[in-house]
């Protein structure tokens, strides 16, 4: 299965394990905050979408 997200972390986050800051994201909705995760496998596609407005 392969996964895609609209959030990108810098290499330092993966090396040090600190995912609290320094990330960029690309919006997929018209809301203020959103995050999408899509997994595609042999027989299924799974999509998670979280969003909110501040």
Protein backbone atom coordinates (compact mmCIF):
# COMPACT_ATOMS: atom_id res chain seq x y z
CA UNK A 1 0.00 0.00 0.00
CA UNK A 2 1.19 3.53 -0.73
CA UNK A 3 0.28 6.67 1.26
CA UNK A 4 0.17 10.35 0.28
CA UNK A 5 -0.39 13.44 2.42
CA UNK A 6 -0.60 17.19 1.86
CA UNK A 7 1.96 17.82 4.65
CA UNK A 8 5.74 17.81 4.10
CA UNK A 9 8.31 17.67 6.91
CA UNK A 10 11.96 18.72 6.51
CA UNK A 11 14.67 16.02 6.64
CA UNK A 12 15.68 17.16 10.16
CA UNK A 13 12.26 16.14 11.50
CA UNK A 14 12.68 12.58 10.22
CA UNK A 15 16.24 12.36 11.52
CA UNK A 16 15.50 13.82 14.97
CA UNK A 17 11.92 12.65 15.43
CA UNK A 18 10.57 16.16 16.17
CA UNK A 19 7.41 16.70 14.08
CA UNK A 20 6.03 19.62 16.13
CA UNK A 21 7.23 22.44 13.85
CA UNK A 22 8.85 23.28 10.53
CA UNK A 23 6.38 21.61 8.19
CA UNK A 24 4.64 22.94 5.11
CA UNK A 25 1.26 21.94 3.77
CA UNK A 26 -0.79 22.38 0.64
CA UNK A 27 -4.54 22.97 1.14
CA UNK A 28 -7.03 20.51 -0.29
CA UNK A 29 -10.19 22.30 0.90
CA UNK A 30 -11.38 25.89 1.32
CA UNK A 31 -11.07 25.69 5.13
CA UNK A 32 -8.45 27.51 7.20
CA UNK A 33 -6.78 24.28 8.36
CA UNK A 34 -6.89 20.91 6.64
CA UNK A 35 -4.93 17.70 6.32
CA UNK A 36 -5.51 14.80 3.95
CA UNK A 37 -4.07 11.29 3.94
CA UNK A 38 -4.77 8.88 1.10
CA UNK A 39 -3.77 5.22 0.93
CA UNK A 40 -4.06 3.16 -2.23
CA UNK A 41 -3.73 -0.62 -2.16
CA UNK A 42 -4.54 -3.54 -4.40
CA UNK A 43 -8.32 -3.63 -3.77
CA UNK A 44 -9.04 -0.45 -1.81
CA UNK A 45 -8.51 3.29 -1.48
CA UNK A 46 -8.70 4.81 2.01
CA UNK A 47 -9.02 8.57 2.52
CA UNK A 48 -8.79 10.53 5.78
CA UNK A 49 -9.66 14.24 5.75
CA UNK A 50 -9.55 16.59 8.74
CA UNK A 51 -10.43 20.27 8.54
CA UNK A 52 -11.40 23.22 10.70
CA UNK A 53 -11.72 27.00 10.77
CA UNK A 54 -10.22 29.34 13.33
